[in-house]
Amino acid sequence: MREAKAGHTRKIGGIVVDATTANAILTVYDAATPRTQVKIASLPIAIMASFAWRVLDSDS
């Protein structure tokens, strides 16, 4: 994920993850508590991305 954030598009779990999406996921992940980080990390990548965008959108 951190490689994708650095601008290197990566295929993770069969889904292409761009830098913007990776950044969104890592922003939410890094701000979460350790217990929540475990839950986030266990999600499939598509759900993880959707969750991250919803959390970031709710901050607006």
Protein backbone atom coordinates (compact mmCIF):
# COMPACT_ATOMS: atom_id res chain seq x y z
CA MET A 1 0.00 0.00 0.00
CA ARG A 2 2.81 2.41 0.86
CA GLU A 3 4.40 1.77 -2.55
CA ALA A 4 1.12 2.68 -4.23
CA LYS A 5 0.94 5.84 -2.11
CA ALA A 6 4.39 6.81 -3.38
CA GLY A 7 2.98 6.92 -6.91
CA HIS A 8 3.59 3.36 -8.01
CA THR A 9 0.24 1.87 -9.00
CA ARG A 10 -0.04 -1.63 -7.58
CA LYS A 11 -2.40 -4.54 -7.99
CA ILE A 12 -3.49 -5.60 -4.51
CA GLY A 13 -5.93 -8.44 -4.06
CA GLY A 14 -6.64 -8.40 -7.79
CA ILE A 15 -7.59 -4.70 -7.74
CA VAL A 16 -5.45 -1.89 -9.11
CA VAL A 17 -4.80 0.69 -6.39
CA ASP A 18 -3.70 4.17 -7.42
CA ALA A 19 -1.74 6.65 -5.31
CA THR A 20 -4.79 8.68 -4.30
CA THR A 21 -6.72 5.68 -3.04
CA ALA A 22 -3.67 4.27 -1.26
CA ASN A 23 -3.16 7.64 0.42
CA ALA A 24 -6.79 7.70 1.57
CA ILE A 25 -6.56 4.19 3.01
CA LEU A 26 -3.27 4.90 4.79
CA THR A 27 -4.52 8.22 6.17
CA VAL A 28 -7.47 6.49 7.81
CA TYR A 29 -5.35 3.50 8.88
CA ASP A 30 -2.62 5.65 10.46
CA ALA A 31 -5.19 7.72 12.37
CA ALA A 32 -6.96 4.65 13.76
CA THR A 33 -6.35 2.95 17.07
CA PRO A 34 -4.34 -0.30 16.99
CA ARG A 35 -7.52 -2.32 17.51
CA THR A 36 -9.22 -0.59 14.58
CA GLN A 37 -6.11 -0.97 12.44
CA VAL A 38 -6.40 -4.74 12.80
CA LYS A 39 -10.01 -4.58 11.62
CA ILE A 40 -9.15 -2.33 8.67
CA ALA A 41 -6.25 -4.57 7.62
CA SER A 42 -8.52 -7.62 7.58
CA LEU A 43 -10.94 -6.07 5.07
CA PRO A 44 -10.82 -6.88 1.35
CA ILE A 45 -9.15 -4.03 -0.54
CA ALA A 46 -12.35 -2.86 -2.25
CA ILE A 47 -14.19 -2.53 1.06
CA MET A 48 -11.12 -0.97 2.67
CA ALA A 49 -11.04 1.72 -0.04
CA SER A 50 -14.78 2.37 0.22
CA PHE A 51 -14.52 2.66 4.00
CA ALA A 52 -11.59 5.07 3.77
CA TRP A 53 -13.39 7.35 1.32
CA ARG A 54 -16.53 7.39 3.51
CA VAL A 55 -14.51 8.29 6.59
CA LEU A 56 -12.63 11.04 4.79
CA ASP A 57 -15.81 12.36 3.19
CA SER A 58 -17.51 12.60 6.59
CA ASP A 59 -14.71 14.94 7.76
CA SER A 60 -15.82 17.58 5.24
